[in-house]
Protein backbone atom coordinates (compact mmCIF):
# COMPACT_ATOMS: atom_id res chain seq x y z
CA UNK A 1 0.00 0.00 0.00
CA UNK A 2 1.08 3.58 -0.68
CA UNK A 3 -0.47 6.53 1.15
CA UNK A 4 -0.26 10.31 1.28
CA UNK A 5 -0.91 12.27 4.47
CA UNK A 6 -1.68 16.01 4.44
CA UNK A 7 0.24 16.35 1.21
CA UNK A 8 0.54 19.88 -0.21
CA UNK A 9 2.40 21.32 -3.17
CA UNK A 10 2.89 24.99 -3.97
CA UNK A 11 4.96 26.80 -6.56
CA UNK A 12 5.29 30.33 -5.24
CA UNK A 13 1.74 31.58 -4.66
CA UNK A 14 0.20 28.92 -6.87
CA UNK A 15 -1.36 26.03 -4.92
CA UNK A 16 -1.57 22.80 -6.92
CA UNK A 17 -3.11 20.75 -4.12
CA UNK A 18 -3.40 21.07 -0.37
CA UNK A 19 -3.73 18.67 2.58
CA UNK A 20 -4.32 15.60 0.42
CA UNK A 21 -4.71 12.43 2.45
CA UNK A 22 -5.37 9.24 0.52
CA UNK A 23 -4.57 5.51 0.54
CA UNK A 24 -3.99 3.49 -2.62
CA UNK A 25 -4.67 -0.18 -1.94
CA UNK A 26 -3.16 -3.39 -3.36
CA UNK A 27 -5.16 -5.00 -6.15
CA UNK A 28 -6.76 -1.70 -7.19
CA UNK A 29 -6.06 0.23 -10.38
CA UNK A 30 -6.49 3.99 -10.04
CA UNK A 31 -6.96 6.45 -12.87
CA UNK A 32 -5.63 9.87 -11.86
CA UNK A 33 -7.56 12.48 -13.82
CA UNK A 34 -7.83 16.26 -13.96
CA UNK A 35 -7.34 19.17 -16.33
CA UNK A 36 -3.93 19.98 -17.80
CA UNK A 37 -1.79 21.90 -15.32
CA UNK A 38 -3.58 20.86 -12.09
CA UNK A 39 -0.59 18.83 -10.88
CA UNK A 40 -1.26 15.19 -11.81
CA UNK A 41 2.31 14.50 -12.91
CA UNK A 42 3.65 16.50 -9.97
CA UNK A 43 1.57 14.41 -7.56
CA UNK A 44 2.87 11.18 -9.12
CA UNK A 45 6.49 12.41 -8.99
CA UNK A 46 6.05 13.15 -5.28
CA UNK A 47 4.71 9.63 -4.70
CA UNK A 48 7.72 8.21 -6.56
CA UNK A 49 10.20 10.31 -4.54
CA UNK A 50 11.45 12.20 -7.61
CA UNK A 51 10.04 15.49 -6.31
CA UNK A 52 9.90 16.97 -2.81
CA UNK A 53 6.49 18.11 -1.57
CA UNK A 54 5.91 21.43 0.18
CA UNK A 55 4.44 19.68 3.21
CA UNK A 56 2.97 16.35 4.30
CA UNK A 57 4.39 12.89 3.83
CA UNK A 58 4.24 9.77 1.66
CA UNK A 59 4.42 6.31 3.23
CA UNK A 60 4.88 2.90 1.61
CA UNK A 61 4.38 -0.48 3.24
CA UNK A 62 7.60 -2.20 4.29
CA UNK A 63 9.25 -4.35 1.61
CA UNK A 64 7.00 -2.91 -1.13
CA UNK A 65 8.74 -2.39 -4.44
CA UNK A 66 7.78 0.58 -6.62
CA UNK A 67 8.52 1.64 -10.19
CA UNK A 68 7.83 4.93 -11.96
CA UNK A 69 7.60 5.26 -15.73
CA UNK A 70 10.51 7.49 -16.75
CA UNK A 71 10.12 10.11 -19.45
CA UNK A 72 13.88 10.49 -20.17
CA UNK A 73 14.23 8.77 -23.54
CA UNK A 74 18.02 9.24 -23.62
CA UNK A 75 19.06 7.80 -20.26
CA UNK A 76 19.69 4.32 -21.70
CA UNK A 77 20.98 5.24 -25.17
CA UNK A 78 24.23 3.27 -24.74
CA UNK A 79 22.48 0.08 -23.63
CA UNK A 80 20.82 -2.69 -25.62
CA UNK A 81 17.03 -2.74 -25.70
CA UNK A 82 16.81 -6.09 -23.89
CA UNK A 83 19.32 -4.97 -21.22
CA UNK A 84 17.31 -1.78 -20.63
CA UNK A 85 14.29 -3.94 -19.86
CA UNK A 86 16.32 -6.20 -17.53
CA UNK A 87 17.38 -3.11 -15.54
CA UNK A 88 13.79 -2.73 -14.40
CA UNK A 89 14.44 -5.59 -11.97
CA UNK A 90 17.43 -4.12 -10.15
CA UNK A 91 18.23 -7.20 -8.07
CA UNK A 92 18.06 -9.57 -11.05
CA UNK A 93 20.14 -7.19 -13.18
CA UNK A 94 22.95 -7.13 -10.57
CA UNK A 95 22.88 -10.93 -10.34
CA UNK A 96 22.96 -11.15 -14.14
CA UNK A 97 25.99 -8.84 -14.42
CA UNK A 98 27.88 -10.71 -11.69
CA UNK A 99 27.07 -14.06 -13.30
CA UNK A 100 28.19 -12.86 -16.74
CA UNK A 101 31.45 -11.54 -15.29
CA UNK A 102 32.25 -14.76 -13.44
CA UNK A 103 31.42 -16.95 -16.45
CA UNK A 104 33.75 -14.79 -18.55
CA UNK A 105 36.51 -15.33 -15.97
CA UNK A 106 35.78 -19.05 -15.93
CA UNK A 107 36.15 -19.23 -19.72
CA UNK A 108 39.59 -17.56 -19.56
CA UNK A 109 40.72 -19.53 -16.50
CA UNK A 110 41.07 -16.38 -14.38
CA UNK A 111 38.37 -17.29 -11.87
CA UNK A 112 39.41 -17.86 -8.23
CA UNK A 113 38.24 -20.81 -6.15
CA UNK A 114 36.14 -18.47 -4.02
CA UNK A 115 34.53 -16.95 -7.13
CA UNK A 116 33.93 -20.42 -8.57
CA UNK A 117 32.17 -21.55 -5.40
CA UNK A 118 30.07 -18.37 -5.52
CA UNK A 119 29.21 -18.86 -9.21
CA UNK A 120 28.18 -22.51 -9.07
CA UNK A 121 26.58 -22.30 -5.68
CA UNK A 122 24.76 -19.37 -4.10
CA UNK A 123 24.80 -17.14 -7.20
CA UNK A 124 23.12 -19.71 -9.47
CA UNK A 125 20.47 -20.39 -6.82
CA UNK A 126 19.72 -16.66 -6.34
CA UNK A 127 19.71 -16.11 -10.09
CA UNK A 128 17.19 -18.91 -10.63
CA UNK A 129 15.00 -17.93 -7.68
CA UNK A 130 14.70 -14.38 -9.05
CA UNK A 131 13.59 -15.50 -12.50
CA UNK A 132 16.99 -15.47 -14.19
CA UNK A 133 16.48 -18.56 -16.30
CA UNK A 134 13.35 -17.14 -17.93
CA UNK A 135 14.39 -13.47 -17.97
CA UNK A 136 15.14 -13.33 -21.70
CA UNK A 137 11.86 -15.01 -22.63
CA UNK A 138 9.89 -12.85 -20.17
CA UNK A 139 11.48 -9.59 -21.35
CA UNK A 140 11.06 -10.52 -25.01
CA UNK A 141 7.39 -11.34 -24.44
CA UNK A 142 6.74 -7.90 -22.92
CA UNK A 143 8.69 -6.11 -25.66
CA UNK A 144 6.82 -7.97 -28.39
CA UNK A 145 3.50 -7.24 -26.68
CA UNK A 146 4.36 -3.55 -26.81
CA UNK A 147 5.15 -3.75 -30.51
CA UNK A 148 8.98 -3.91 -30.41
CA UNK A 149 10.09 -6.36 -33.10
CA UNK A 150 12.36 -9.20 -31.98
CA UNK A 151 15.03 -8.00 -34.43
CA UNK A 152 15.36 -4.82 -32.35
CA UNK A 153 15.82 -6.51 -28.95
CA UNK A 154 19.60 -6.75 -29.34
CA UNK A 155 20.00 -3.25 -30.82
CA UNK A 156 21.20 -0.18 -28.93
CA UNK A 157 18.52 2.15 -27.60
CA UNK A 158 19.95 5.07 -29.60
CA UNK A 159 18.86 3.35 -32.83
CA UNK A 160 15.17 3.65 -31.87
CA UNK A 161 12.75 6.52 -32.39
CA UNK A 162 11.46 8.45 -29.37
CA UNK A 163 8.14 6.60 -29.51
CA UNK A 164 9.81 3.17 -29.49
CA UNK A 165 12.17 4.21 -26.69
CA UNK A 166 9.11 5.12 -24.63
CA UNK A 167 7.71 1.63 -25.23
CA UNK A 168 10.96 0.07 -24.02
CA UNK A 169 10.82 2.16 -20.82
CA UNK A 170 7.25 0.97 -20.32
CA UNK A 171 8.42 -2.62 -20.88
CA UNK A 172 11.07 -2.02 -18.19
CA UNK A 173 8.36 -1.27 -15.63
CA UNK A 174 6.15 -4.20 -16.64
CA UNK A 175 9.08 -6.64 -16.58
CA UNK A 176 10.02 -5.50 -13.06
CA UNK A 177 6.52 -6.43 -11.85
CA UNK A 178 6.71 -4.10 -8.80
CA UNK A 179 4.15 -3.99 -6.01
CA UNK A 180 3.33 -0.40 -6.96
CA UNK A 181 3.30 0.86 -10.56
CA UNK A 182 3.21 4.60 -11.27
CA UNK A 183 2.46 5.20 -14.96
CA UNK A 184 2.27 8.72 -16.40
CA UNK A 185 0.58 8.66 -19.83
CA UNK A 186 1.52 5.03 -20.63
CA UNK A 187 -0.62 5.00 -23.80
CA UNK A 188 1.46 7.72 -25.49
CA UNK A 189 2.80 6.39 -28.81
CA UNK A 190 0.66 3.23 -28.55
CA UNK A 191 -1.79 2.06 -31.20
CA UNK A 192 -5.14 0.41 -30.46
CA UNK A 193 -3.84 -3.15 -30.55
CA UNK A 194 -1.02 -2.35 -28.12
CA UNK A 195 -3.35 -0.45 -25.79
CA UNK A 196 -5.57 -3.55 -25.63
CA UNK A 197 -2.51 -5.67 -24.80
CA UNK A 198 -1.48 -3.22 -22.05
CA UNK A 199 -4.98 -3.22 -20.53
CA UNK A 200 -4.92 -7.03 -20.35
CA UNK A 201 -1.42 -7.07 -18.85
CA UNK A 202 -2.16 -4.49 -16.16
CA UNK A 203 -5.53 -6.05 -15.33
CA UNK A 204 -3.69 -9.19 -14.24
CA UNK A 205 -1.29 -7.27 -12.00
CA UNK A 206 -1.92 -8.07 -8.33
CA UNK A 207 -0.29 -4.94 -6.90
CA UNK A 208 -1.32 -1.28 -6.96
CA UNK A 209 -1.49 0.55 -10.29
CA UNK A 210 -1.75 4.34 -10.64
CA UNK A 211 -2.13 5.72 -14.17
CA UNK A 212 -2.46 9.20 -15.60
CA UNK A 213 -4.17 9.07 -18.97
CA UNK A 214 -6.37 11.11 -21.32
CA UNK A 215 -7.55 7.98 -23.13
CA UNK A 216 -11.16 7.35 -22.07
CA UNK A 217 -11.24 3.79 -23.44
CA UNK A 218 -8.07 2.92 -21.52
CA UNK A 219 -9.39 4.41 -18.26
CA UNK A 220 -12.77 2.71 -18.64
CA UNK A 221 -11.27 -0.67 -19.53
CA UNK A 222 -8.59 -0.72 -16.83
CA UNK A 223 -9.48 1.29 -13.75
CA UNK A 224 -11.29 0.00 -10.69
CA UNK A 225 -11.18 3.45 -9.06
CA UNK A 226 -10.80 7.08 -10.13
CA UNK A 227 -8.77 9.75 -8.32
CA UNK A 228 -9.92 13.20 -9.42
CA UNK A 229 -7.52 16.10 -8.87
CA UNK A 230 -9.63 19.26 -8.81
CA UNK A 231 -10.49 22.14 -6.47
CA UNK A 232 -6.87 21.79 -5.15
CA UNK A 233 -7.82 18.45 -3.61
CA UNK A 234 -7.89 14.78 -4.56
CA UNK A 235 -11.21 12.93 -4.39
CA UNK A 236 -11.55 9.15 -4.74
CA UNK A 237 -14.48 7.61 -6.63
CA UNK A 238 -15.24 3.91 -6.97
CA UNK A 239 -15.39 2.80 -10.58
CA UNK A 240 -13.93 3.80 -13.93
CA UNK A 241 -13.99 7.15 -15.74
CA UNK A 242 -17.59 6.88 -16.95
CA UNK A 243 -18.70 5.98 -13.42
CA UNK A 244 -16.85 9.04 -12.09
CA UNK A 245 -18.54 11.33 -14.62
CA UNK A 246 -21.98 10.12 -13.53
CA UNK A 247 -21.19 10.28 -9.80
CA UNK A 248 -19.62 13.73 -10.10
CA UNK A 249 -22.60 15.10 -12.02
CA UNK A 250 -25.02 13.69 -9.44
CA UNK A 251 -22.99 15.23 -6.58
CA UNK A 252 -22.96 18.65 -8.26
CA UNK A 253 -26.71 18.50 -8.93
CA UNK A 254 -27.38 17.48 -5.32
CA UNK A 255 -25.30 20.38 -4.00
CA UNK A 256 -27.13 22.75 -6.33
CA UNK A 257 -30.54 21.51 -5.12
CA UNK A 258 -29.49 21.74 -1.47
CA UNK A 259 -28.28 25.30 -2.01
CA UNK A 260 -31.55 26.28 -3.71
CA UNK A 261 -33.53 24.90 -0.76
CA UNK A 262 -31.34 26.79 1.71
CA UNK A 263 -31.60 30.02 -0.26
CA UNK A 264 -35.39 29.69 -0.40
CA UNK A 265 -35.56 29.06 3.36
CA UNK A 266 -33.20 32.00 4.02
CA UNK A 267 -35.51 34.29 2.04
CA UNK A 268 -38.51 33.12 4.10
CA UNK A 269 -36.61 33.73 7.36
CA UNK A 270 -35.48 37.21 6.30
CA UNK A 271 -39.02 38.14 5.30
CA UNK A 272 -40.43 37.04 8.68
CA UNK A 273 -37.70 38.85 10.64
CA UNK A 274 -38.22 41.99 8.60
CA UNK A 275 -41.99 41.95 9.16
CA UNK A 276 -42.18 40.88 12.81
CA UNK A 277 -38.76 41.67 14.29
CA UNK A 278 -40.16 44.74 16.13
CA UNK A 279 -43.45 43.06 17.13
CA UNK A 280 -43.37 42.15 20.84
CA UNK A 281 -45.82 39.25 20.41
CA UNK A 282 -43.61 37.72 17.70
CA UNK A 283 -40.28 38.54 19.38
CA UNK A 284 -39.47 34.93 20.41
CA UNK A 285 -40.32 33.59 16.95
CA UNK A 286 -38.26 36.32 15.28
CA UNK A 287 -35.29 35.58 17.57
CA UNK A 288 -35.51 31.84 16.82
CA UNK A 289 -35.59 32.53 13.09
CA UNK A 290 -32.65 34.93 13.37
CA UNK A 291 -30.59 32.20 15.07
CA UNK A 292 -31.62 29.69 12.39
CA UNK A 293 -30.54 32.15 9.71
CA UNK A 294 -27.16 32.66 11.42
CA UNK A 295 -26.59 28.88 11.53
CA UNK A 296 -27.54 28.43 7.91
CA UNK A 297 -24.63 28.07 5.51
CA UNK A 298 -24.93 27.88 1.78
CA UNK A 299 -22.17 25.63 0.43
CA UNK A 300 -19.92 27.62 -1.82
CA UNK A 301 -19.01 26.17 -5.20
CA UNK A 302 -15.23 26.14 -5.37
CA UNK A 303 -13.87 27.15 -8.78
CA UNK A 304 -13.15 23.99 -10.76
CA UNK A 305 -9.97 23.67 -12.81
CA UNK A 306 -12.09 21.89 -15.42
CA UNK A 307 -12.77 24.32 -18.21
CA UNK A 308 -13.88 23.07 -21.59
CA UNK A 309 -13.11 24.95 -24.80
CA UNK A 310 -16.11 25.99 -26.90
CA UNK A 311 -15.78 24.33 -30.30
CA UNK A 312 -18.28 24.64 -33.13
CA UNK A 313 -17.27 24.07 -36.75
CA UNK A 314 -19.19 26.18 -39.28
CA UNK A 315 -18.23 26.06 -42.97
CA UNK A 316 -18.06 29.42 -44.72
CA UNK A 317 -18.89 27.94 -48.12
CA UNK A 318 -21.43 25.26 -49.00
CA UNK A 319 -19.95 21.96 -50.17
CA UNK A 320 -21.09 20.38 -53.41
CA UNK A 321 -21.81 16.71 -54.04
CA UNK A 322 -18.26 15.79 -55.07
CA UNK A 323 -15.74 15.72 -52.22
CA UNK A 324 -12.69 13.44 -52.58
CA UNK A 325 -12.34 10.57 -55.01
CA UNK A 326 -9.27 8.32 -55.00
CA UNK A 327 -8.78 5.93 -57.90
CA UNK A 328 -6.36 2.99 -57.58
CA UNK A 329 -3.76 4.92 -55.58
CA UNK A 330 -0.55 3.23 -54.38
CA UNK A 331 2.35 4.32 -52.21
CA UNK A 332 5.65 2.67 -51.30
CA UNK A 333 8.53 3.91 -49.19
CA UNK A 334 10.74 1.15 -47.77
CA UNK A 335 7.67 -1.10 -47.77
CA UNK A 336 4.49 -1.07 -49.79
CA UNK A 337 1.96 0.84 -47.68
CA UNK A 338 -1.10 0.43 -49.91
CA UNK A 339 -1.78 -0.53 -53.51
CA UNK A 340 -4.58 0.17 -56.01
CA UNK A 341 -6.88 1.64 -53.37
CA UNK A 342 -10.04 3.41 -54.49
CA UNK A 343 -12.43 5.50 -52.39
CA UNK A 344 -15.24 7.96 -52.96
CA UNK A 345 -16.08 10.09 -49.92
CA UNK A 346 -19.62 11.43 -49.66
CA UNK A 347 -20.33 14.94 -48.35
CA UNK A 348 -21.79 13.74 -45.03
CA UNK A 349 -19.28 11.02 -44.06
CA UNK A 350 -16.93 10.84 -41.09
CA UNK A 351 -14.07 8.57 -42.13
CA UNK A 352 -11.66 7.11 -39.56
CA UNK A 353 -8.24 5.83 -40.66
CA UNK A 354 -6.86 3.28 -38.17
CA UNK A 355 -4.01 0.80 -37.93
CA UNK A 356 -0.76 0.05 -36.12
CA UNK A 357 2.03 2.61 -35.91
CA UNK A 358 4.04 2.96 -39.10
CA UNK A 359 1.57 1.29 -41.47
CA UNK A 360 0.91 4.45 -43.48
CA UNK A 361 -2.15 6.14 -41.95
CA UNK A 362 -0.74 9.67 -42.21
CA UNK A 363 0.58 8.88 -45.69
CA UNK A 364 -2.89 7.86 -46.86
CA UNK A 365 -4.42 10.97 -45.29
CA UNK A 366 -1.87 13.24 -46.97
CA UNK A 367 -2.44 11.51 -50.30
CA UNK A 368 -6.20 12.08 -50.02
CA UNK A 369 -5.74 15.82 -49.43
CA UNK A 370 -3.04 16.07 -52.16
CA UNK A 371 -0.25 17.00 -49.76
CA UNK A 372 1.79 14.15 -51.23
CA UNK A 373 1.52 12.45 -54.61
CA UNK A 374 0.69 8.74 -54.81
CA UNK A 375 3.13 6.58 -56.79
CA UNK A 376 0.28 5.63 -59.08
CA UNK A 377 -3.41 6.35 -59.44
CA UNK A 378 -5.12 9.70 -58.96
CA UNK A 379 -6.98 11.81 -56.40
CA UNK A 380 -9.70 14.25 -57.47
CA UNK A 381 -11.20 17.03 -55.35
CA UNK A 382 -14.58 18.62 -55.87
CA UNK A 383 -14.59 22.21 -57.11
CA UNK A 384 -16.14 23.52 -53.87
CA UNK A 385 -13.83 21.74 -51.42
CA UNK A 386 -12.09 23.89 -48.76
CA UNK A 387 -9.91 21.91 -46.37
CA UNK A 388 -9.21 22.72 -42.72
CA UNK A 389 -6.26 20.61 -41.56
CA UNK A 390 -4.94 19.49 -38.16
CA UNK A 391 -1.47 17.90 -38.66
CA UNK A 392 -0.03 15.23 -36.37
CA UNK A 393 3.41 16.89 -36.44
CA UNK A 394 3.07 20.65 -36.03
CA UNK A 395 6.84 21.35 -36.01
CA UNK A 396 6.81 22.96 -39.44
CA UNK A 397 3.19 24.05 -39.19
CA UNK A 398 3.58 26.51 -36.32
CA UNK A 399 6.11 29.35 -36.46
CA UNK A 400 7.96 29.20 -33.11
CA UNK A 401 9.05 32.84 -33.31
CA UNK A 402 5.53 34.25 -33.66
CA UNK A 403 3.06 35.01 -30.90
CA UNK A 404 -0.05 32.84 -30.78
CA UNK A 405 -2.37 35.70 -31.79
CA UNK A 406 -0.16 36.84 -34.68
CA UNK A 407 0.09 33.31 -36.06
CA UNK A 408 -3.67 32.83 -35.83
CA UNK A 409 -4.29 36.21 -37.46
CA UNK A 410 -2.81 34.88 -40.72
CA UNK A 411 -5.89 32.70 -41.19
CA UNK A 412 -8.56 35.39 -40.95
CA UNK A 413 -11.02 34.82 -43.81
CA UNK A 414 -11.57 38.57 -44.20
CA UNK A 415 -9.81 41.81 -43.35
CA UNK A 416 -12.67 43.09 -41.21
CA UNK A 417 -11.76 41.01 -38.14
CA UNK A 418 -10.31 43.08 -35.29
CA UNK A 419 -7.71 42.29 -32.66
CA UNK A 420 -10.52 42.08 -30.10
CA UNK A 421 -12.39 39.61 -32.33
CA UNK A 422 -9.28 37.43 -32.44
CA UNK A 423 -8.85 37.61 -28.67
CA UNK A 424 -12.49 36.63 -28.19
CA UNK A 425 -12.03 33.75 -30.62
CA UNK A 426 -8.95 32.56 -28.72
CA UNK A 427 -10.78 32.92 -25.42
CA UNK A 428 -13.18 30.19 -26.53
CA UNK A 429 -10.12 27.97 -26.86
CA UNK A 430 -9.00 28.90 -23.31
CA UNK A 431 -6.33 31.49 -24.18
CA UNK A 432 -6.88 34.14 -21.51
CA UNK A 433 -5.74 37.79 -21.55
CA UNK A 434 -1.94 37.94 -21.87
CA UNK A 435 -1.77 34.26 -22.88
CA UNK A 436 -2.63 35.23 -26.46
CA UNK A 437 0.73 37.05 -26.62
CA UNK A 438 2.75 33.95 -25.71
CA UNK A 439 5.44 32.94 -28.16
CA UNK A 440 4.56 29.65 -29.85
CA UNK A 441 7.88 28.10 -28.79
CA UNK A 442 6.82 28.26 -25.11
CA UNK A 443 3.31 26.84 -25.60
CA UNK A 444 2.53 23.42 -24.14
CA UNK A 445 1.45 20.56 -26.39
CA UNK A 446 -2.17 21.11 -25.35
CA UNK A 447 -1.99 24.85 -26.06
CA UNK A 448 -0.53 24.22 -29.52
CA UNK A 449 -3.30 21.74 -30.29
CA UNK A 450 -6.00 24.22 -29.18
CA UNK A 451 -4.38 26.96 -31.27
CA UNK A 452 -4.56 24.77 -34.38
CA UNK A 453 -8.22 23.99 -33.65
CA UNK A 454 -8.80 27.75 -33.31
CA UNK A 455 -7.26 28.13 -36.78
CA UNK A 456 -9.65 25.51 -38.17
CA UNK A 457 -12.64 27.29 -36.63
CA UNK A 458 -11.50 30.65 -37.99
CA UNK A 459 -10.91 29.55 -41.57
CA UNK A 460 -14.25 27.71 -41.75
CA UNK A 461 -13.35 24.86 -44.11
CA UNK A 462 -16.10 22.60 -45.42
CA UNK A 463 -13.93 19.44 -45.18
CA UNK A 464 -12.23 18.72 -41.84
CA UNK A 465 -8.98 16.73 -41.82
CA UNK A 466 -7.50 15.73 -38.45
CA UNK A 467 -4.38 13.62 -37.84
CA UNK A 468 -4.20 12.41 -34.22
CA UNK A 469 -5.93 15.52 -32.79
CA UNK A 470 -6.35 14.13 -29.25
CA UNK A 471 -2.65 13.43 -28.56
CA UNK A 472 -1.99 16.48 -26.35
CA UNK A 473 -5.49 17.45 -25.25
CA UNK A 474 -6.89 16.87 -21.77
CA UNK A 475 -10.12 14.97 -21.27
CA UNK A 476 -12.27 18.11 -21.24
CA UNK A 477 -10.84 19.33 -24.56
CA UNK A 478 -11.10 15.84 -26.10
CA UNK A 479 -14.76 15.61 -25.13
CA UNK A 480 -15.45 19.14 -26.43
CA UNK A 481 -13.81 18.30 -29.78
CA UNK A 482 -15.55 14.93 -29.88
CA UNK A 483 -18.95 16.54 -29.32
CA UNK A 484 -18.32 19.32 -31.84
CA UNK A 485 -17.46 16.78 -34.54
CA UNK A 486 -20.67 14.83 -33.91
CA UNK A 487 -22.60 18.01 -34.77
CA UNK A 488 -20.98 18.77 -38.11
CA UNK A 489 -22.75 18.02 -41.37
CA UNK A 490 -19.65 18.32 -43.57
CA UNK A 491 -17.14 15.48 -44.21
CA UNK A 492 -14.54 14.62 -41.56
CA UNK A 493 -11.50 12.45 -42.28
CA UNK A 494 -9.34 11.64 -39.26
CA UNK A 495 -6.57 9.42 -37.96
CA UNK A 496 -6.79 8.34 -34.32
CA UNK A 497 -5.71 5.65 -31.85
CA UNK A 498 -8.40 6.82 -29.40
CA UNK A 499 -10.98 4.04 -29.66
CA UNK A 500 -13.72 6.04 -27.91
CA UNK A 501 -13.13 8.97 -30.27
CA UNK A 502 -13.26 6.73 -33.35
CA UNK A 503 -16.29 4.75 -32.24
CA UNK A 504 -18.39 7.80 -31.41
CA UNK A 505 -17.62 9.57 -34.70
CA UNK A 506 -16.89 7.21 -37.54
CA UNK A 507 -19.46 6.35 -40.20
CA UNK A 508 -16.73 4.60 -42.21
CA UNK A 509 -13.53 2.85 -41.04
CA UNK A 510 -10.40 2.40 -43.14
CA UNK A 511 -7.92 0.01 -41.52
CA UNK A 512 -4.43 -0.32 -42.99
CA UNK A 513 -2.79 -3.67 -42.28
CA UNK A 514 0.01 -5.50 -44.09
CA UNK A 515 -0.21 -3.21 -47.11
CA UNK A 516 -3.96 -3.66 -47.52
CA UNK A 517 -6.81 -1.30 -46.69
CA UNK A 518 -10.12 -2.62 -45.38
CA UNK A 519 -12.96 -0.22 -46.20
CA UNK A 520 -15.87 -0.80 -43.80
CA UNK A 521 -19.09 1.29 -43.72
CA UNK A 522 -19.87 1.68 -40.02
CA UNK A 523 -18.41 2.64 -36.64
CA UNK A 524 -15.63 0.96 -34.65
CA UNK A 525 -17.86 -1.44 -32.72
CA UNK A 526 -19.55 -2.60 -35.93
CA UNK A 527 -16.21 -3.05 -37.63
CA UNK A 528 -14.66 -5.05 -34.78
CA UNK A 529 -17.75 -7.29 -34.58
CA UNK A 530 -17.53 -7.84 -38.35
CA UNK A 531 -13.81 -8.72 -38.08
CA UNK A 532 -14.45 -11.26 -35.29
CA UNK A 533 -17.26 -12.87 -37.26
CA UNK A 534 -15.07 -13.18 -40.35
CA UNK A 535 -12.12 -14.49 -38.32
CA UNK A 536 -14.26 -17.37 -37.01
CA UNK A 537 -15.71 -18.19 -40.43
């Protein structure tokens, strides 16, 4: 068990959380949720010992092991992938290194009698008891489950991309099998298949699991409990994210009703006191009512850190019947991504492109909007099409030297829009006052994503193209975007690993797998049911 007692964290005058007391129990899996910037990662770093709290204490049961998912992708660059995973189990790794050293000495004849007795006696027993004889198979199984090809297991970490390095660091934690797992955004860089694998793996873990995530499907599938960081406090709810949303809404409604009853009663008391306070025959009654009024307390609503952006897509120009038509398009880089694929998108469709990492989802999307040329075949756009685009990689999309408001101002559809209009527009996307003047190079990932959505709203395209739009958004922004896209009547084409996002939006699913594209008319649940049925046939 791990517990916090009267835990507080402040940065200058800013209070992240105050006097938090909570116990996280073995066998439970907690989803830690809250808006961006409320202190979720800070809270987890304090639990892990990586950060010192302002006040309070953290306690862990004796002999409990704990592991925290590291975000430093470069710490293990000089080590092999498989060795990096082994290091998760510190005791086994030390035994492994000692064993390797002594076997090397034995092979060269340099081993002493004492070292030989150690090697073939106590060391071999300890190594076996700690899982040494199955360590390679166990580590390889976890790596493969997280999508790291077996060919890469013996490679150096510095040969991997940042996303694959993150998966190896996650494998390190899972291989260690600690009593307490602290996982900050473990689904980053994971595709749907790998997220499913991770849910199954963590669901079998018998210790305590704490996860920070913005993936609603992951939270709903995994968590037994929800820890909500809001109002500068941490509140525990039994159940997954959906259960929390219902319970939280009920609690807020109940408080609202109770306040309304109290306010009504207070009005009645004030009226009586005003009318009869000076009347001698009613003096006792007036005094009793005055005391009741003094005791009465209307519960104040603390300001929540949960603020949702206001997103509504409205096309400036009407879209005609013809949207995007692809005819036998193909694309190959090192591998063939897709071949002879044809598609005709109607003007009311919401098309989801899904598949594992690296299969060509973004490539297909870019081919459909003519950002790249297919190797063969053709793509035709209707004469009325006006695209609003959200790129997955915004490195070259956003100018780091510009302020947020100046960059956005480039996309004004007419010259009549004022600086105040722009500020109001940005306010709907949660850029407050001086925040609009921030340089883009200091914006957080979530702020950059909201700025690009603000651009899409401003330019008013009649075809919406989004490539992994939920990656850096918090749950409130994801739900606001999700809801806004359900309201649109123009076409939407999007890439996403967020199963909840895909399922609630898609009217057509394109899955890329092994160089082939499956084109299914329906949502994610329909498509997965169809796949299972065909797999059994």
